[in-house]
Amino acid sequence: MKNFSNLNGVNDKILKIKQLLLELETEAKIFPALSRNSKRALASIKMLELNISDIVTFDLIDS
């Protein structure tokens, strides 16, 4: 991870996207397609969390 200096910034963006998708999903009760697609996008965000956010959360960044 030495080549990626702004990993915390990327993590913040991932978490922001996740929050927005969660809001969309809860507001999409009358629009089923939006709810389904939000859930699909959240699955992709989960993969980003596993790849990036866990590194930041558990402080696994090489110094």
PDB file of N, CA and C in Angstrom:
ATOM      1  N   MET A   1       0.798  -1.195   0.000  1.00  0.00           N
ATOM      2  CA  MET A   1       0.000   0.000   0.000  1.00  0.00           C
ATOM      3  C   MET A   1       0.845   1.266   0.000  1.00  0.00           C
ATOM      4  N   LYS A   2       2.135   1.127  -0.122  1.00  0.00           N
ATOM      5  CA  LYS A   2       3.020   2.286  -0.106  1.00  0.00           C
ATOM      6  C   LYS A   2       2.729   3.246  -1.256  1.00  0.00           C
ATOM      7  N   ASN A   3       2.268   2.723  -2.382  1.00  0.00           N
ATOM      8  CA  ASN A   3       2.032   3.554  -3.551  1.00  0.00           C
ATOM      9  C   ASN A   3       0.721   4.321  -3.491  1.00  0.00           C
ATOM     10  N   PHE A   4      -0.111   4.067  -2.518  1.00  0.00           N
ATOM     11  CA  PHE A   4      -1.406   4.731  -2.425  1.00  0.00           C
ATOM     12  C   PHE A   4      -1.449   5.544  -1.148  1.00  0.00           C
ATOM     13  N   SER A   5      -1.118   6.827  -1.264  1.00  0.00           N
ATOM     14  CA  SER A   5      -0.935   7.669  -0.087  1.00  0.00           C
ATOM     15  C   SER A   5      -2.240   8.143   0.526  1.00  0.00           C
ATOM     16  N   ASN A   6      -3.336   8.187  -0.222  1.00  0.00           N
ATOM     17  CA  ASN A   6      -4.579   8.741   0.297  1.00  0.00           C
ATOM     18  C   ASN A   6      -5.634   7.657   0.528  1.00  0.00           C
ATOM     19  N   LEU A   7      -5.254   6.576   1.160  1.00  0.00           N
ATOM     20  CA  LEU A   7      -6.173   5.476   1.407  1.00  0.00           C
ATOM     21  C   LEU A   7      -7.303   5.884   2.337  1.00  0.00           C
ATOM     22  N   ASN A   8      -7.022   6.752   3.288  1.00  0.00           N
ATOM     23  CA  ASN A   8      -8.083   7.223   4.184  1.00  0.00           C
ATOM     24  C   ASN A   8      -9.129   8.024   3.424  1.00  0.00           C
ATOM     25  N   GLY A   9      -8.711   8.807   2.455  1.00  0.00           N
ATOM     26  CA  GLY A   9      -9.652   9.565   1.632  1.00  0.00           C
ATOM     27  C   GLY A   9     -10.549   8.653   0.809  1.00  0.00           C
ATOM     28  N   VAL A  10      -9.964   7.610   0.255  1.00  0.00           N
ATOM     29  CA  VAL A  10     -10.736   6.634  -0.514  1.00  0.00           C
ATOM     30  C   VAL A  10     -11.732   5.937   0.406  1.00  0.00           C
ATOM     31  N   ASN A  11     -11.300   5.587   1.590  1.00  0.00           N
ATOM     32  CA  ASN A  11     -12.183   4.942   2.555  1.00  0.00           C
ATOM     33  C   ASN A  11     -13.363   5.856   2.887  1.00  0.00           C
ATOM     34  N   ASP A  12     -13.109   7.141   3.091  1.00  0.00           N
ATOM     35  CA  ASP A  12     -14.186   8.088   3.387  1.00  0.00           C
ATOM     36  C   ASP A  12     -15.207   8.136   2.260  1.00  0.00           C
ATOM     37  N   LYS A  13     -14.729   8.103   1.021  1.00  0.00           N
ATOM     38  CA  LYS A  13     -15.632   8.125  -0.134  1.00  0.00           C
ATOM     39  C   LYS A  13     -16.468   6.851  -0.211  1.00  0.00           C
ATOM     40  N   ILE A  14     -15.852   5.715   0.071  1.00  0.00           N
ATOM     41  CA  ILE A  14     -16.581   4.440   0.071  1.00  0.00           C
ATOM     42  C   ILE A  14     -17.694   4.479   1.111  1.00  0.00           C
ATOM     43  N   LEU A  15     -17.380   4.963   2.301  1.00  0.00           N
ATOM     44  CA  LEU A  15     -18.384   5.031   3.361  1.00  0.00           C
ATOM     45  C   LEU A  15     -19.491   6.023   3.025  1.00  0.00           C
ATOM     46  N   LYS A  16     -19.148   7.110   2.341  1.00  0.00           N
ATOM     47  CA  LYS A  16     -20.156   8.095   1.938  1.00  0.00           C
ATOM     48  C   LYS A  16     -21.107   7.485   0.903  1.00  0.00           C
ATOM     49  N   ILE A  17     -20.546   6.770  -0.070  1.00  0.00           N
ATOM     50  CA  ILE A  17     -21.365   6.102  -1.079  1.00  0.00           C
ATOM     51  C   ILE A  17     -22.286   5.090  -0.425  1.00  0.00           C
ATOM     52  N   LYS A  18     -21.761   4.341   0.521  1.00  0.00           N
ATOM     53  CA  LYS A  18     -22.565   3.343   1.225  1.00  0.00           C
ATOM     54  C   LYS A  18     -23.735   4.013   1.942  1.00  0.00           C
ATOM     55  N   GLN A  19     -23.475   5.117   2.617  1.00  0.00           N
ATOM     56  CA  GLN A  19     -24.533   5.817   3.338  1.00  0.00           C
ATOM     57  C   GLN A  19     -25.610   6.321   2.383  1.00  0.00           C
ATOM     58  N   LEU A  20     -25.196   6.880   1.256  1.00  0.00           N
ATOM     59  CA  LEU A  20     -26.157   7.370   0.271  1.00  0.00           C
ATOM     60  C   LEU A  20     -27.004   6.237  -0.300  1.00  0.00           C
ATOM     61  N   LEU A  21     -26.379   5.106  -0.582  1.00  0.00           N
ATOM     62  CA  LEU A  21     -27.124   3.961  -1.097  1.00  0.00           C
ATOM     63  C   LEU A  21     -28.116   3.422  -0.067  1.00  0.00           C
ATOM     64  N   LEU A  22     -27.718   3.401   1.193  1.00  0.00           N
ATOM     65  CA  LEU A  22     -28.636   2.963   2.243  1.00  0.00           C
ATOM     66  C   LEU A  22     -29.841   3.905   2.337  1.00  0.00           C
ATOM     67  N   GLU A  23     -29.601   5.194   2.198  1.00  0.00           N
ATOM     68  CA  GLU A  23     -30.703   6.159   2.209  1.00  0.00           C
ATOM     69  C   GLU A  23     -31.627   5.946   1.015  1.00  0.00           C
ATOM     70  N   LEU A  24     -31.046   5.744  -0.168  1.00  0.00           N
ATOM     71  CA  LEU A  24     -31.859   5.481  -1.353  1.00  0.00           C
ATOM     72  C   LEU A  24     -32.710   4.229  -1.178  1.00  0.00           C
ATOM     73  N   GLU A  25     -32.106   3.198  -0.641  1.00  0.00           N
ATOM     74  CA  GLU A  25     -32.821   1.936  -0.466  1.00  0.00           C
ATOM     75  C   GLU A  25     -34.013   2.099   0.469  1.00  0.00           C
ATOM     76  N   THR A  26     -33.836   2.830   1.554  1.00  0.00           N
ATOM     77  CA  THR A  26     -34.939   2.993   2.502  1.00  0.00           C
ATOM     78  C   THR A  26     -36.022   3.923   1.966  1.00  0.00           C
ATOM     79  N   GLU A  27     -35.663   4.852   1.091  1.00  0.00           N
ATOM     80  CA  GLU A  27     -36.635   5.782   0.517  1.00  0.00           C
ATOM     81  C   GLU A  27     -37.323   5.221  -0.723  1.00  0.00           C
ATOM     82  N   ALA A  28     -36.930   4.061  -1.174  1.00  0.00           N
ATOM     83  CA  ALA A  28     -37.397   3.511  -2.444  1.00  0.00           C
ATOM     84  C   ALA A  28     -38.558   2.538  -2.283  1.00  0.00           C
ATOM     85  N   LYS A  29     -39.326   2.667  -1.241  1.00  0.00           N
ATOM     86  CA  LYS A  29     -40.419   1.710  -0.997  1.00  0.00           C
ATOM     87  C   LYS A  29     -41.432   1.700  -2.144  1.00  0.00           C
ATOM     88  N   ILE A  30     -41.702   2.856  -2.766  1.00  0.00           N
ATOM     89  CA  ILE A  30     -42.689   2.903  -3.842  1.00  0.00           C
ATOM     90  C   ILE A  30     -42.050   2.719  -5.220  1.00  0.00           C
ATOM     91  N   PHE A  31     -40.746   2.517  -5.258  1.00  0.00           N
ATOM     92  CA  PHE A  31     -40.024   2.352  -6.514  1.00  0.00           C
ATOM     93  C   PHE A  31     -39.141   1.110  -6.404  1.00  0.00           C
ATOM     94  N   PRO A  32     -39.725  -0.079  -6.628  1.00  0.00           N
ATOM     95  CA  PRO A  32     -39.005  -1.341  -6.411  1.00  0.00           C
ATOM     96  C   PRO A  32     -37.683  -1.471  -7.176  1.00  0.00           C
ATOM     97  N   ALA A  33     -37.619  -0.945  -8.383  1.00  0.00           N
ATOM     98  CA  ALA A  33     -36.374  -1.057  -9.160  1.00  0.00           C
ATOM     99  C   ALA A  33     -35.236  -0.316  -8.468  1.00  0.00           C
ATOM    100  N   LEU A  34     -35.522   0.833  -7.892  1.00  0.00           N
ATOM    101  CA  LEU A  34     -34.501   1.590  -7.173  1.00  0.00           C
ATOM    102  C   LEU A  34     -34.020   0.818  -5.952  1.00  0.00           C
ATOM    103  N   SER A  35     -34.942   0.185  -5.270  1.00  0.00           N
ATOM    104  CA  SER A  35     -34.583  -0.622  -4.104  1.00  0.00           C
ATOM    105  C   SER A  35     -33.683  -1.789  -4.508  1.00  0.00           C
ATOM    106  N   ARG A  36     -34.067  -2.505  -5.549  1.00  0.00           N
ATOM    107  CA  ARG A  36     -33.268  -3.656  -6.014  1.00  0.00           C
ATOM    108  C   ARG A  36     -31.873  -3.226  -6.460  1.00  0.00           C
ATOM    109  N   ASN A  37     -31.826  -2.160  -7.236  1.00  0.00           N
ATOM    110  CA  ASN A  37     -30.533  -1.707  -7.751  1.00  0.00           C
ATOM    111  C   ASN A  37     -29.656  -1.138  -6.646  1.00  0.00           C
ATOM    112  N   SER A  38     -30.255  -0.520  -5.649  1.00  0.00           N
ATOM    113  CA  SER A  38     -29.480  -0.044  -4.500  1.00  0.00           C
ATOM    114  C   SER A  38     -28.854  -1.218  -3.762  1.00  0.00           C
ATOM    115  N   LYS A  39     -29.613  -2.283  -3.611  1.00  0.00           N
ATOM    116  CA  LYS A  39     -29.077  -3.480  -2.948  1.00  0.00           C
ATOM    117  C   LYS A  39     -27.919  -4.071  -3.745  1.00  0.00           C
ATOM    118  N   ARG A  40     -28.045  -4.073  -5.058  1.00  0.00           N
ATOM    119  CA  ARG A  40     -26.956  -4.591  -5.897  1.00  0.00           C
ATOM    120  C   ARG A  40     -25.708  -3.726  -5.770  1.00  0.00           C
ATOM    121  N   ALA A  41     -25.925  -2.425  -5.774  1.00  0.00           N
ATOM    122  CA  ALA A  41     -24.786  -1.506  -5.639  1.00  0.00           C
ATOM    123  C   ALA A  41     -24.147  -1.668  -4.264  1.00  0.00           C
ATOM    124  N   LEU A  42     -24.958  -1.902  -3.232  1.00  0.00           N
ATOM    125  CA  LEU A  42     -24.415  -2.115  -1.886  1.00  0.00           C
ATOM    126  C   LEU A  42     -23.543  -3.361  -1.832  1.00  0.00           C
ATOM    127  N   ALA A  43     -23.883  -4.370  -2.620  1.00  0.00           N
ATOM    128  CA  ALA A  43     -23.047  -5.576  -2.670  1.00  0.00           C
ATOM    129  C   ALA A  43     -21.660  -5.242  -3.233  1.00  0.00           C
ATOM    130  N   SER A  44     -21.627  -4.386  -4.238  1.00  0.00           N
ATOM    131  CA  SER A  44     -20.337  -3.967  -4.800  1.00  0.00           C
ATOM    132  C   SER A  44     -19.559  -3.119  -3.808  1.00  0.00           C
ATOM    133  N   ILE A  45     -20.249  -2.253  -3.103  1.00  0.00           N
ATOM    134  CA  ILE A  45     -19.606  -1.417  -2.095  1.00  0.00           C
ATOM    135  C   ILE A  45     -19.026  -2.298  -0.985  1.00  0.00           C
ATOM    136  N   LYS A  46     -19.713  -3.377  -0.665  1.00  0.00           N
ATOM    137  CA  LYS A  46     -19.208  -4.299   0.356  1.00  0.00           C
ATOM    138  C   LYS A  46     -17.851  -4.865  -0.058  1.00  0.00           C
ATOM    139  N   MET A  47     -17.702  -5.159  -1.341  1.00  0.00           N
ATOM    140  CA  MET A  47     -16.413  -5.655  -1.830  1.00  0.00           C
ATOM    141  C   MET A  47     -15.334  -4.584  -1.674  1.00  0.00           C
ATOM    142  N   LEU A  48     -15.675  -3.333  -1.955  1.00  0.00           N
ATOM    143  CA  LEU A  48     -14.718  -2.249  -1.756  1.00  0.00           C
ATOM    144  C   LEU A  48     -14.360  -2.109  -0.284  1.00  0.00           C
ATOM    145  N   GLU A  49     -15.360  -2.268   0.576  1.00  0.00           N
ATOM    146  CA  GLU A  49     -15.085  -2.206   2.019  1.00  0.00           C
ATOM    147  C   GLU A  49     -14.107  -3.298   2.434  1.00  0.00           C
ATOM    148  N   LEU A  50     -14.329  -4.496   1.935  1.00  0.00           N
ATOM    149  CA  LEU A  50     -13.434  -5.604   2.280  1.00  0.00           C
ATOM    150  C   LEU A  50     -12.020  -5.341   1.785  1.00  0.00           C
ATOM    151  N   ASN A  51     -11.912  -4.702   0.627  1.00  0.00           N
ATOM    152  CA  ASN A  51     -10.598  -4.437   0.046  1.00  0.00           C
ATOM    153  C   ASN A  51      -9.902  -3.230   0.649  1.00  0.00           C
ATOM    154  N   ILE A  52     -10.627  -2.176   0.935  1.00  0.00           N
ATOM    155  CA  ILE A  52     -10.022  -0.912   1.355  1.00  0.00           C
ATOM    156  C   ILE A  52     -10.316  -0.582   2.812  1.00  0.00           C
ATOM    157  N   SER A  53     -11.583  -0.550   3.169  1.00  0.00           N
ATOM    158  CA  SER A  53     -11.967  -0.089   4.506  1.00  0.00           C
ATOM    159  C   SER A  53     -11.385  -0.954   5.609  1.00  0.00           C
ATOM    160  N   ASP A  54     -11.312  -2.249   5.386  1.00  0.00           N
ATOM    161  CA  ASP A  54     -10.733  -3.123   6.406  1.00  0.00           C
ATOM    162  C   ASP A  54      -9.254  -2.815   6.616  1.00  0.00           C
ATOM    163  N   ILE A  55      -8.560  -2.482   5.538  1.00  0.00           N
ATOM    164  CA  ILE A  55      -7.141  -2.123   5.658  1.00  0.00           C
ATOM    165  C   ILE A  55      -6.991  -0.881   6.520  1.00  0.00           C
ATOM    166  N   VAL A  56      -7.861   0.092   6.293  1.00  0.00           N
ATOM    167  CA  VAL A  56      -7.810   1.338   7.055  1.00  0.00           C
ATOM    168  C   VAL A  56      -8.254   1.104   8.500  1.00  0.00           C
ATOM    169  N   THR A  57      -9.362   0.383   8.674  1.00  0.00           N
ATOM    170  CA  THR A  57      -9.915   0.150  10.011  1.00  0.00           C
ATOM    171  C   THR A  57      -8.938  -0.594  10.912  1.00  0.00           C
ATOM    172  N   PHE A  58      -8.286  -1.610  10.365  1.00  0.00           N
ATOM    173  CA  PHE A  58      -7.377  -2.406  11.166  1.00  0.00           C
ATOM    174  C   PHE A  58      -5.933  -1.911  11.089  1.00  0.00           C
ATOM    175  N   ASP A  59      -5.757  -0.735  10.490  1.00  0.00           N
ATOM    176  CA  ASP A  59      -4.458  -0.064  10.418  1.00  0.00           C
ATOM    177  C   ASP A  59      -3.387  -0.986   9.835  1.00  0.00           C
ATOM    178  N   LEU A  60      -3.701  -1.541   8.660  1.00  0.00           N
ATOM    179  CA  LEU A  60      -2.779  -2.463   7.988  1.00  0.00           C
ATOM    180  C   LEU A  60      -1.982  -1.772   6.882  1.00  0.00           C
ATOM    181  N   ILE A  61      -1.994  -0.438   6.886  1.00  0.00           N
ATOM    182  CA  ILE A  61      -1.278   0.320   5.868  1.00  0.00           C
ATOM    183  C   ILE A  61       0.205   0.265   6.153  1.00  0.00           C
ATOM    184  N   ASP A  62       0.987  -0.090   5.134  1.00  0.00           N
ATOM    185  CA  ASP A  62       2.448  -0.081   5.271  1.00  0.00           C
ATOM    186  C   ASP A  62       2.930   1.353   5.380  1.00  0.00           C
ATOM    187  N   SER A  63       3.793   1.605   6.316  1.00  0.00           N
ATOM    188  CA  SER A  63       4.334   2.961   6.466  1.00  0.00           C
ATOM    189  C   SER A  63       5.653   3.100   5.766  1.00  0.00           C
TER     190      SER A  63
END
